[in-house]
Amino acid sequence: MKKVFAIIAIAGVMVACNNSSDKKADKVEDTATKMMDEANKMMDTANKMMDTAAKKMEQAMDTAAKKVEEMKPKM
């Protein structure tokens, strides 16, 4: 996901730099900046979701390990 957002941000900057008109360049630059800000926000959200998922997986593994330890004397 990070690579996708980086590519989008770079494409926006390249488009902004490629315009010949100053007014258009300013608008495109503002748009590129907004896109980069949005991409950063999305990355923050994605990172939070990944952290939450990792914590839940750790909890599940801990629970499974405890259950295996409980089952060992019965085997």
PDB file of N, CA and C in Angstrom:
ATOM      1  N   MET A   1       0.822  -1.190   0.000  1.00  0.00           N
ATOM      2  CA  MET A   1       0.000   0.000   0.000  1.00  0.00           C
ATOM      3  C   MET A   1       0.870   1.259   0.000  1.00  0.00           C
ATOM      4  N   LYS A   2       1.969   1.225   0.726  1.00  0.00           N
ATOM      5  CA  LYS A   2       2.826   2.397   0.803  1.00  0.00           C
ATOM      6  C   LYS A   2       3.347   2.765  -0.578  1.00  0.00           C
ATOM      7  N   LYS A   3       3.687   1.757  -1.361  1.00  0.00           N
ATOM      8  CA  LYS A   3       4.226   2.014  -2.694  1.00  0.00           C
ATOM      9  C   LYS A   3       3.183   2.657  -3.592  1.00  0.00           C
ATOM     10  N   VAL A   4       1.928   2.227  -3.461  1.00  0.00           N
ATOM     11  CA  VAL A   4       0.858   2.787  -4.282  1.00  0.00           C
ATOM     12  C   VAL A   4       0.699   4.270  -3.983  1.00  0.00           C
ATOM     13  N   PHE A   5       0.663   4.624  -2.684  1.00  0.00           N
ATOM     14  CA  PHE A   5       0.494   6.018  -2.320  1.00  0.00           C
ATOM     15  C   PHE A   5       1.703   6.846  -2.726  1.00  0.00           C
ATOM     16  N   ALA A   6       2.877   6.275  -2.633  1.00  0.00           N
ATOM     17  CA  ALA A   6       4.082   6.989  -3.050  1.00  0.00           C
ATOM     18  C   ALA A   6       4.043   7.259  -4.548  1.00  0.00           C
ATOM     19  N   ILE A   7       3.600   6.286  -5.322  1.00  0.00           N
ATOM     20  CA  ILE A   7       3.501   6.462  -6.773  1.00  0.00           C
ATOM     21  C   ILE A   7       2.485   7.549  -7.114  1.00  0.00           C
ATOM     22  N   ILE A   8       1.352   7.542  -6.406  1.00  0.00           N
ATOM     23  CA  ILE A   8       0.327   8.563  -6.644  1.00  0.00           C
ATOM     24  C   ILE A   8       0.878   9.948  -6.315  1.00  0.00           C
ATOM     25  N   ALA A   9       1.572  10.057  -5.200  1.00  0.00           N
ATOM     26  CA  ALA A   9       2.133  11.348  -4.802  1.00  0.00           C
ATOM     27  C   ALA A   9       3.174  11.829  -5.803  1.00  0.00           C
ATOM     28  N   ILE A  10       4.038  10.930  -6.247  1.00  0.00           N
ATOM     29  CA  ILE A  10       5.061  11.299  -7.228  1.00  0.00           C
ATOM     30  C   ILE A  10       4.413  11.710  -8.544  1.00  0.00           C
ATOM     31  N   ALA A  11       3.396  10.991  -8.961  1.00  0.00           N
ATOM     32  CA  ALA A  11       2.697  11.341 -10.200  1.00  0.00           C
ATOM     33  C   ALA A  11       2.075  12.729 -10.086  1.00  0.00           C
ATOM     34  N   GLY A  12       1.498  13.035  -8.943  1.00  0.00           N
ATOM     35  CA  GLY A  12       0.910  14.358  -8.734  1.00  0.00           C
ATOM     36  C   GLY A  12       1.949  15.453  -8.811  1.00  0.00           C
ATOM     37  N   VAL A  13       3.107  15.228  -8.212  1.00  0.00           N
ATOM     38  CA  VAL A  13       4.183  16.214  -8.259  1.00  0.00           C
ATOM     39  C   VAL A  13       4.696  16.380  -9.685  1.00  0.00           C
ATOM     40  N   MET A  14       4.830  15.265 -10.399  1.00  0.00           N
ATOM     41  CA  MET A  14       5.302  15.346 -11.783  1.00  0.00           C
ATOM     42  C   MET A  14       4.324  16.119 -12.656  1.00  0.00           C
ATOM     43  N   VAL A  15       3.043  15.913 -12.452  1.00  0.00           N
ATOM     44  CA  VAL A  15       2.034  16.647 -13.216  1.00  0.00           C
ATOM     45  C   VAL A  15       2.126  18.126 -12.878  1.00  0.00           C
ATOM     46  N   ALA A  16       2.315  18.434 -11.597  1.00  0.00           N
ATOM     47  CA  ALA A  16       2.413  19.830 -11.182  1.00  0.00           C
ATOM     48  C   ALA A  16       3.625  20.503 -11.809  1.00  0.00           C
ATOM     49  N   CYS A  17       4.711  19.810 -11.925  1.00  0.00           N
ATOM     50  CA  CYS A  17       5.936  20.383 -12.486  1.00  0.00           C
ATOM     51  C   CYS A  17       5.894  20.472 -14.010  1.00  0.00           C
ATOM     52  N   ASN A  18       4.994  19.761 -14.641  1.00  0.00           N
ATOM     53  CA  ASN A  18       4.960  19.689 -16.094  1.00  0.00           C
ATOM     54  C   ASN A  18       4.071  20.754 -16.716  1.00  0.00           C
ATOM     55  N   ASN A  19       3.282  21.481 -15.943  1.00  0.00           N
ATOM     56  CA  ASN A  19       2.388  22.502 -16.491  1.00  0.00           C
ATOM     57  C   ASN A  19       3.169  23.756 -16.860  1.00  0.00           C
ATOM     58  N   SER A  20       2.744  24.412 -17.937  1.00  0.00           N
ATOM     59  CA  SER A  20       3.428  25.622 -18.382  1.00  0.00           C
ATOM     60  C   SER A  20       2.833  26.876 -17.763  1.00  0.00           C
ATOM     61  N   SER A  21       1.594  26.860 -17.395  1.00  0.00           N
ATOM     62  CA  SER A  21       0.932  28.018 -16.823  1.00  0.00           C
ATOM     63  C   SER A  21       1.140  28.058 -15.317  1.00  0.00           C
ATOM     64  N   ASP A  22       1.442  29.270 -14.797  1.00  0.00           N
ATOM     65  CA  ASP A  22       1.670  29.419 -13.356  1.00  0.00           C
ATOM     66  C   ASP A  22       0.401  29.148 -12.558  1.00  0.00           C
ATOM     67  N   LYS A  23      -0.732  29.647 -13.058  1.00  0.00           N
ATOM     68  CA  LYS A  23      -1.998  29.439 -12.354  1.00  0.00           C
ATOM     69  C   LYS A  23      -2.338  27.959 -12.298  1.00  0.00           C
ATOM     70  N   LYS A  24      -2.176  27.301 -13.415  1.00  0.00           N
ATOM     71  CA  LYS A  24      -2.449  25.868 -13.454  1.00  0.00           C
ATOM     72  C   LYS A  24      -1.475  25.114 -12.571  1.00  0.00           C
ATOM     73  N   ALA A  25      -0.225  25.546 -12.577  1.00  0.00           N
ATOM     74  CA  ALA A  25       0.791  24.883 -11.756  1.00  0.00           C
ATOM     75  C   ALA A  25       0.458  25.029 -10.284  1.00  0.00           C
ATOM     76  N   ASP A  26      -0.013  26.211  -9.892  1.00  0.00           N
ATOM     77  CA  ASP A  26      -0.386  26.417  -8.496  1.00  0.00           C
ATOM     78  C   ASP A  26      -1.545  25.515  -8.104  1.00  0.00           C
ATOM     79  N   LYS A  27      -2.541  25.414  -8.981  1.00  0.00           N
ATOM     80  CA  LYS A  27      -3.686  24.563  -8.692  1.00  0.00           C
ATOM     81  C   LYS A  27      -3.261  23.095  -8.606  1.00  0.00           C
ATOM     82  N   VAL A  28      -2.440  22.685  -9.541  1.00  0.00           N
ATOM     83  CA  VAL A  28      -1.991  21.296  -9.549  1.00  0.00           C
ATOM     84  C   VAL A  28      -1.102  21.028  -8.341  1.00  0.00           C
ATOM     85  N   GLU A  29      -0.267  21.999  -7.995  1.00  0.00           N
ATOM     86  CA  GLU A  29       0.594  21.822  -6.826  1.00  0.00           C
ATOM     87  C   GLU A  29      -0.239  21.701  -5.555  1.00  0.00           C
ATOM     88  N   ASP A  30      -1.278  22.538  -5.445  1.00  0.00           N
ATOM     89  CA  ASP A  30      -2.177  22.431  -4.295  1.00  0.00           C
ATOM     90  C   ASP A  30      -2.862  21.068  -4.272  1.00  0.00           C
ATOM     91  N   THR A  31      -3.293  20.620  -5.446  1.00  0.00           N
ATOM     92  CA  THR A  31      -3.942  19.317  -5.538  1.00  0.00           C
ATOM     93  C   THR A  31      -2.964  18.205  -5.163  1.00  0.00           C
ATOM     94  N   ALA A  32      -1.732  18.319  -5.650  1.00  0.00           N
ATOM     95  CA  ALA A  32      -0.726  17.298  -5.320  1.00  0.00           C
ATOM     96  C   ALA A  32      -0.439  17.289  -3.820  1.00  0.00           C
ATOM     97  N   THR A  33      -0.369  18.468  -3.233  1.00  0.00           N
ATOM     98  CA  THR A  33      -0.133  18.553  -1.791  1.00  0.00           C
ATOM     99  C   THR A  33      -1.286  17.916  -1.029  1.00  0.00           C
ATOM    100  N   LYS A  34      -2.502  18.208  -1.460  1.00  0.00           N
ATOM    101  CA  LYS A  34      -3.676  17.611  -0.814  1.00  0.00           C
ATOM    102  C   LYS A  34      -3.662  16.090  -0.970  1.00  0.00           C
ATOM    103  N   MET A  35      -3.282  15.636  -2.168  1.00  0.00           N
ATOM    104  CA  MET A  35      -3.218  14.189  -2.395  1.00  0.00           C
ATOM    105  C   MET A  35      -2.180  13.545  -1.481  1.00  0.00           C
ATOM    106  N   MET A  36      -1.044  14.203  -1.319  1.00  0.00           N
ATOM    107  CA  MET A  36      -0.005  13.657  -0.451  1.00  0.00           C
ATOM    108  C   MET A  36      -0.472  13.637   1.007  1.00  0.00           C
ATOM    109  N   ASP A  37      -1.177  14.692   1.419  1.00  0.00           N
ATOM    110  CA  ASP A  37      -1.712  14.723   2.779  1.00  0.00           C
ATOM    111  C   ASP A  37      -2.716  13.598   2.998  1.00  0.00           C
ATOM    112  N   GLU A  38      -3.600  13.413   2.017  1.00  0.00           N
ATOM    113  CA  GLU A  38      -4.586  12.338   2.113  1.00  0.00           C
ATOM    114  C   GLU A  38      -3.904  10.972   2.129  1.00  0.00           C
ATOM    115  N   ALA A  39      -2.870  10.816   1.307  1.00  0.00           N
ATOM    116  CA  ALA A  39      -2.141   9.547   1.282  1.00  0.00           C
ATOM    117  C   ALA A  39      -1.487   9.289   2.638  1.00  0.00           C
ATOM    118  N   ASN A  40      -0.941  10.329   3.246  1.00  0.00           N
ATOM    119  CA  ASN A  40      -0.334  10.173   4.572  1.00  0.00           C
ATOM    120  C   ASN A  40      -1.382   9.780   5.610  1.00  0.00           C
ATOM    121  N   LYS A  41      -2.563  10.399   5.539  1.00  0.00           N
ATOM    122  CA  LYS A  41      -3.639  10.048   6.472  1.00  0.00           C
ATOM    123  C   LYS A  41      -4.064   8.590   6.273  1.00  0.00           C
ATOM    124  N   MET A  42      -4.163   8.189   5.009  1.00  0.00           N
ATOM    125  CA  MET A  42      -4.552   6.810   4.725  1.00  0.00           C
ATOM    126  C   MET A  42      -3.498   5.833   5.234  1.00  0.00           C
ATOM    127  N   MET A  43      -2.234   6.193   5.100  1.00  0.00           N
ATOM    128  CA  MET A  43      -1.159   5.336   5.587  1.00  0.00           C
ATOM    129  C   MET A  43      -1.206   5.221   7.108  1.00  0.00           C
ATOM    130  N   ASP A  44      -1.495   6.336   7.778  1.00  0.00           N
ATOM    131  CA  ASP A  44      -1.621   6.290   9.236  1.00  0.00           C
ATOM    132  C   ASP A  44      -2.746   5.346   9.644  1.00  0.00           C
ATOM    133  N   THR A  45      -3.869   5.445   8.951  1.00  0.00           N
ATOM    134  CA  THR A  45      -5.004   4.571   9.240  1.00  0.00           C
ATOM    135  C   THR A  45      -4.642   3.113   8.969  1.00  0.00           C
ATOM    136  N   ALA A  46      -3.961   2.864   7.853  1.00  0.00           N
ATOM    137  CA  ALA A  46      -3.564   1.499   7.511  1.00  0.00           C
ATOM    138  C   ALA A  46      -2.587   0.944   8.551  1.00  0.00           C
ATOM    139  N   ASN A  47      -1.655   1.772   9.003  1.00  0.00           N
ATOM    140  CA  ASN A  47      -0.707   1.331  10.023  1.00  0.00           C
ATOM    141  C   ASN A  47      -1.412   0.998  11.328  1.00  0.00           C
ATOM    142  N   LYS A  48      -2.390   1.809  11.709  1.00  0.00           N
ATOM    143  CA  LYS A  48      -3.163   1.531  12.924  1.00  0.00           C
ATOM    144  C   LYS A  48      -3.918   0.208  12.792  1.00  0.00           C
ATOM    145  N   MET A  49      -4.498  -0.018  11.614  1.00  0.00           N
ATOM    146  CA  MET A  49      -5.230  -1.259  11.393  1.00  0.00           C
ATOM    147  C   MET A  49      -4.290  -2.463  11.451  1.00  0.00           C
ATOM    148  N   MET A  50      -3.106  -2.318  10.888  1.00  0.00           N
ATOM    149  CA  MET A  50      -2.137  -3.417  10.909  1.00  0.00           C
ATOM    150  C   MET A  50      -1.665  -3.690  12.331  1.00  0.00           C
ATOM    151  N   ASP A  51      -1.456  -2.637  13.108  1.00  0.00           N
ATOM    152  CA  ASP A  51      -1.057  -2.820  14.503  1.00  0.00           C
ATOM    153  C   ASP A  51      -2.143  -3.544  15.292  1.00  0.00           C
ATOM    154  N   THR A  52      -3.391  -3.152  15.070  1.00  0.00           N
ATOM    155  CA  THR A  52      -4.512  -3.800  15.748  1.00  0.00           C
ATOM    156  C   THR A  52      -4.593  -5.273  15.359  1.00  0.00           C
ATOM    157  N   ALA A  53      -4.433  -5.551  14.076  1.00  0.00           N
ATOM    158  CA  ALA A  53      -4.479  -6.939  13.604  1.00  0.00           C
ATOM    159  C   ALA A  53      -3.339  -7.758  14.210  1.00  0.00           C
ATOM    160  N   ALA A  54      -2.159  -7.159  14.305  1.00  0.00           N
ATOM    161  CA  ALA A  54      -1.013  -7.866  14.887  1.00  0.00           C
ATOM    162  C   ALA A  54      -1.270  -8.178  16.359  1.00  0.00           C
ATOM    163  N   LYS A  55      -1.846  -7.230  17.086  1.00  0.00           N
ATOM    164  CA  LYS A  55      -2.157  -7.459  18.500  1.00  0.00           C
ATOM    165  C   LYS A  55      -3.169  -8.588  18.656  1.00  0.00           C
ATOM    166  N   LYS A  56      -4.176  -8.599  17.798  1.00  0.00           N
ATOM    167  CA  LYS A  56      -5.201  -9.651  17.878  1.00  0.00           C
ATOM    168  C   LYS A  56      -4.597 -11.012  17.548  1.00  0.00           C
ATOM    169  N   MET A  57      -3.685 -11.053  16.591  1.00  0.00           N
ATOM    170  CA  MET A  57      -3.023 -12.316  16.258  1.00  0.00           C
ATOM    171  C   MET A  57      -2.170 -12.799  17.427  1.00  0.00           C
ATOM    172  N   GLU A  58      -1.480 -11.878  18.090  1.00  0.00           N
ATOM    173  CA  GLU A  58      -0.680 -12.262  19.251  1.00  0.00           C
ATOM    174  C   GLU A  58      -1.567 -12.815  20.356  1.00  0.00           C
ATOM    175  N   GLN A  59      -2.715 -12.180  20.568  1.00  0.00           N
ATOM    176  CA  GLN A  59      -3.653 -12.659  21.587  1.00  0.00           C
ATOM    177  C   GLN A  59      -4.158 -14.054  21.225  1.00  0.00           C
ATOM    178  N   ALA A  60      -4.468 -14.259  19.962  1.00  0.00           N
ATOM    179  CA  ALA A  60      -4.956 -15.571  19.521  1.00  0.00           C
ATOM    180  C   ALA A  60      -3.873 -16.628  19.705  1.00  0.00           C
ATOM    181  N   MET A  61      -2.627 -16.294  19.389  1.00  0.00           N
ATOM    182  CA  MET A  61      -1.527 -17.246  19.557  1.00  0.00           C
ATOM    183  C   MET A  61      -1.301 -17.561  21.037  1.00  0.00           C
ATOM    184  N   ASP A  62      -1.399 -16.542  21.886  1.00  0.00           N
ATOM    185  CA  ASP A  62      -1.249 -16.770  23.322  1.00  0.00           C
ATOM    186  C   ASP A  62      -2.348 -17.692  23.844  1.00  0.00           C
ATOM    187  N   THR A  63      -3.575 -17.457  23.401  1.00  0.00           N
ATOM    188  CA  THR A  63      -4.700 -18.296  23.817  1.00  0.00           C
ATOM    189  C   THR A  63      -4.491 -19.731  23.336  1.00  0.00           C
ATOM    190  N   ALA A  64      -4.055 -19.886  22.099  1.00  0.00           N
ATOM    191  CA  ALA A  64      -3.822 -21.226  21.554  1.00  0.00           C
ATOM    192  C   ALA A  64      -2.709 -21.926  22.321  1.00  0.00           C
ATOM    193  N   ALA A  65      -1.649 -21.201  22.664  1.00  0.00           N
ATOM    194  CA  ALA A  65      -0.536 -21.791  23.416  1.00  0.00           C
ATOM    195  C   ALA A  65      -0.999 -22.234  24.800  1.00  0.00           C
ATOM    196  N   LYS A  66      -1.831 -21.447  25.443  1.00  0.00           N
ATOM    197  CA  LYS A  66      -2.362 -21.807  26.763  1.00  0.00           C
ATOM    198  C   LYS A  66      -3.216 -23.069  26.667  1.00  0.00           C
ATOM    199  N   LYS A  67      -4.042 -23.139  25.633  1.00  0.00           N
ATOM    200  CA  LYS A  67      -4.901 -24.311  25.461  1.00  0.00           C
ATOM    201  C   LYS A  67      -4.059 -25.563  25.212  1.00  0.00           C
ATOM    202  N   VAL A  68      -2.987 -25.433  24.444  1.00  0.00           N
ATOM    203  CA  VAL A  68      -2.108 -26.576  24.188  1.00  0.00           C
ATOM    204  C   VAL A  68      -1.458 -27.025  25.495  1.00  0.00           C
ATOM    205  N   GLU A  69      -1.024 -26.076  26.306  1.00  0.00           N
ATOM    206  CA  GLU A  69      -0.414 -26.418  27.599  1.00  0.00           C
ATOM    207  C   GLU A  69      -1.421 -27.119  28.511  1.00  0.00           C
ATOM    208  N   GLU A  70      -2.674 -26.686  28.449  1.00  0.00           N
ATOM    209  CA  GLU A  70      -3.713 -27.338  29.258  1.00  0.00           C
ATOM    210  C   GLU A  70      -3.983 -28.753  28.778  1.00  0.00           C
ATOM    211  N   MET A  71      -3.840 -29.003  27.495  1.00  0.00           N
ATOM    212  CA  MET A  71      -4.136 -30.308  26.919  1.00  0.00           C
ATOM    213  C   MET A  71      -2.988 -31.309  27.135  1.00  0.00           C
ATOM    214  N   LYS A  72      -1.767 -30.840  27.350  1.00  0.00           N
ATOM    215  CA  LYS A  72      -0.621 -31.743  27.474  1.00  0.00           C
ATOM    216  C   LYS A  72      -0.802 -32.789  28.575  1.00  0.00           C
ATOM    217  N   PRO A  73      -1.251 -32.446  29.785  1.00  0.00           N
ATOM    218  CA  PRO A  73      -1.407 -33.490  30.815  1.00  0.00           C
ATOM    219  C   PRO A  73      -2.474 -34.529  30.459  1.00  0.00           C
ATOM    220  N   LYS A  74      -3.429 -34.171  29.652  1.00  0.00           N
ATOM    221  CA  LYS A  74      -4.505 -35.089  29.275  1.00  0.00           C
ATOM    222  C   LYS A  74      -4.070 -36.080  28.216  1.00  0.00           C
ATOM    223  N   MET A  75      -2.966 -35.793  27.534  1.00  0.00           N
ATOM    224  CA  MET A  75      -2.509 -36.669  26.443  1.00  0.00           C
ATOM    225  C   MET A  75      -1.783 -37.829  26.969  1.00  0.00           C
TER     226      MET A  75
END
